[in-house]
Amino acid sequence: MITEEEWKEWLLHPVTKHLRKWAFEKQEELKSRWADGEFTDAMQSAMAVRNAGATGACSVYKEVEEMDYILIAEEESAE
């Protein structure tokens, strides 16, 4: 299991910082695309699918950006 000290070191790594920044920017891009109406469609079912896909992707980006040691430790201990 990863230690909290290892987690803190990982957070300070330049690649980690870049990954978390990238995840934030991808969220913002999806929000902007949504605001511009990119996920709308004349057919309700198609619009629902497009919105669900974008919402799911945004959730993953947010998790990457905001994940913390407690989340990782809890998931590892559950295995």
C-alpha atoms as a PDB file:
ATOM      1  CA  MET A   1       0.000   0.000   0.000  1.00  0.00           C
ATOM      2  CA  ILE A   2       1.203   3.484  -0.795  1.00  0.00           C
ATOM      3  CA  THR A   3       2.201   5.563   2.189  1.00  0.00           C
ATOM      4  CA  GLU A   4       1.044   9.108   2.803  1.00  0.00           C
ATOM      5  CA  GLU A   5       4.633  10.290   2.403  1.00  0.00           C
ATOM      6  CA  GLU A   6       4.839   8.611  -1.031  1.00  0.00           C
ATOM      7  CA  TRP A   7       1.537  10.254  -1.945  1.00  0.00           C
ATOM      8  CA  LYS A   8       2.866  13.689  -0.979  1.00  0.00           C
ATOM      9  CA  GLU A   9       6.004  13.107  -3.058  1.00  0.00           C
ATOM     10  CA  TRP A  10       3.868  12.064  -6.012  1.00  0.00           C
ATOM     11  CA  LEU A  11       1.799  15.261  -5.734  1.00  0.00           C
ATOM     12  CA  LEU A  12       4.965  17.336  -5.987  1.00  0.00           C
ATOM     13  CA  HIS A  13       6.198  15.560  -9.110  1.00  0.00           C
ATOM     14  CA  PRO A  14       6.043  17.758 -12.253  1.00  0.00           C
ATOM     15  CA  VAL A  15       4.190  15.088 -14.242  1.00  0.00           C
ATOM     16  CA  THR A  16       1.550  14.804 -11.514  1.00  0.00           C
ATOM     17  CA  LYS A  17       1.119  18.558 -11.448  1.00  0.00           C
ATOM     18  CA  HIS A  18       0.732  18.550 -15.222  1.00  0.00           C
ATOM     19  CA  LEU A  19      -1.770  15.674 -15.118  1.00  0.00           C
ATOM     20  CA  ARG A  20      -3.953  17.419 -12.550  1.00  0.00           C
ATOM     21  CA  LYS A  21      -3.799  20.710 -14.467  1.00  0.00           C
ATOM     22  CA  TRP A  22      -4.694  18.866 -17.676  1.00  0.00           C
ATOM     23  CA  ALA A  23      -7.685  17.212 -15.967  1.00  0.00           C
ATOM     24  CA  PHE A  24      -8.924  20.605 -14.756  1.00  0.00           C
ATOM     25  CA  GLU A  25      -8.550  22.095 -18.230  1.00  0.00           C
ATOM     26  CA  LYS A  26     -10.441  19.177 -19.824  1.00  0.00           C
ATOM     27  CA  GLN A  27     -13.313  19.745 -17.382  1.00  0.00           C
ATOM     28  CA  GLU A  28     -13.418  23.413 -18.281  1.00  0.00           C
ATOM     29  CA  GLU A  29     -13.334  22.570 -21.992  1.00  0.00           C
ATOM     30  CA  LEU A  30     -16.328  20.244 -21.620  1.00  0.00           C
ATOM     31  CA  LYS A  31     -18.228  22.882 -19.660  1.00  0.00           C
ATOM     32  CA  SER A  32     -17.514  25.439 -22.356  1.00  0.00           C
ATOM     33  CA  ARG A  33     -18.600  23.042 -25.108  1.00  0.00           C
ATOM     34  CA  TRP A  34     -21.804  22.334 -23.160  1.00  0.00           C
ATOM     35  CA  ALA A  35     -22.472  26.061 -22.742  1.00  0.00           C
ATOM     36  CA  ASP A  36     -21.968  26.516 -26.492  1.00  0.00           C
ATOM     37  CA  GLY A  37     -24.706  23.947 -27.122  1.00  0.00           C
ATOM     38  CA  GLU A  38     -22.440  21.277 -28.566  1.00  0.00           C
ATOM     39  CA  PHE A  39     -24.223  18.485 -26.708  1.00  0.00           C
ATOM     40  CA  THR A  40     -27.736  19.440 -27.800  1.00  0.00           C
ATOM     41  CA  ASP A  41     -29.633  17.513 -30.425  1.00  0.00           C
ATOM     42  CA  ALA A  42     -33.113  17.694 -31.929  1.00  0.00           C
ATOM     43  CA  MET A  43     -33.721  14.121 -30.807  1.00  0.00           C
ATOM     44  CA  GLN A  44     -34.106  13.826 -27.026  1.00  0.00           C
ATOM     45  CA  SER A  45     -32.478  10.377 -26.902  1.00  0.00           C
ATOM     46  CA  ALA A  46     -29.415  11.517 -28.843  1.00  0.00           C
ATOM     47  CA  MET A  47     -29.077  14.577 -26.637  1.00  0.00           C
ATOM     48  CA  ALA A  48     -29.341  12.437 -23.507  1.00  0.00           C
ATOM     49  CA  VAL A  49     -26.574  10.140 -24.762  1.00  0.00           C
ATOM     50  CA  ARG A  50     -24.303  13.055 -25.686  1.00  0.00           C
ATOM     51  CA  ASN A  51     -24.867  14.740 -22.335  1.00  0.00           C
ATOM     52  CA  ALA A  52     -24.347  11.501 -20.409  1.00  0.00           C
ATOM     53  CA  GLY A  53     -21.033  10.917 -22.174  1.00  0.00           C
ATOM     54  CA  ALA A  54     -19.812  14.426 -21.466  1.00  0.00           C
ATOM     55  CA  THR A  55     -20.978  14.258 -17.850  1.00  0.00           C
ATOM     56  CA  GLY A  56     -19.194  10.936 -17.350  1.00  0.00           C
ATOM     57  CA  ALA A  57     -15.969  12.249 -18.857  1.00  0.00           C
ATOM     58  CA  CYS A  58     -16.165  15.377 -16.714  1.00  0.00           C
ATOM     59  CA  SER A  59     -16.577  13.227 -13.604  1.00  0.00           C
ATOM     60  CA  VAL A  60     -13.437  11.247 -14.419  1.00  0.00           C
ATOM     61  CA  TYR A  61     -11.407  14.401 -15.047  1.00  0.00           C
ATOM     62  CA  LYS A  62     -12.647  15.832 -11.747  1.00  0.00           C
ATOM     63  CA  GLU A  63     -11.659  12.655  -9.887  1.00  0.00           C
ATOM     64  CA  VAL A  64      -8.147  12.788 -11.354  1.00  0.00           C
ATOM     65  CA  GLU A  65      -7.800  16.447 -10.466  1.00  0.00           C
ATOM     66  CA  GLU A  66      -9.124  16.096  -6.925  1.00  0.00           C
ATOM     67  CA  MET A  67      -8.061  12.610  -5.821  1.00  0.00           C
ATOM     68  CA  ASP A  68      -6.421  12.518  -2.436  1.00  0.00           C
ATOM     69  CA  TYR A  69      -4.539  10.094  -0.248  1.00  0.00           C
ATOM     70  CA  ILE A  70      -7.593   9.104   1.814  1.00  0.00           C
ATOM     71  CA  LEU A  71      -9.485   8.012  -1.318  1.00  0.00           C
ATOM     72  CA  ILE A  72      -6.556   5.928  -2.532  1.00  0.00           C
ATOM     73  CA  ALA A  73      -5.874   4.407   0.879  1.00  0.00           C
ATOM     74  CA  GLU A  74      -9.552   3.458   1.376  1.00  0.00           C
ATOM     75  CA  GLU A  75      -9.749   1.790  -2.026  1.00  0.00           C
ATOM     76  CA  GLU A  76      -6.509  -0.120  -1.482  1.00  0.00           C
ATOM     77  CA  SER A  77      -7.592  -1.334   1.947  1.00  0.00           C
ATOM     78  CA  ALA A  78     -10.908  -2.551   0.501  1.00  0.00           C
ATOM     79  CA  GLU A  79      -9.123  -4.877  -1.945  1.00  0.00           C
END
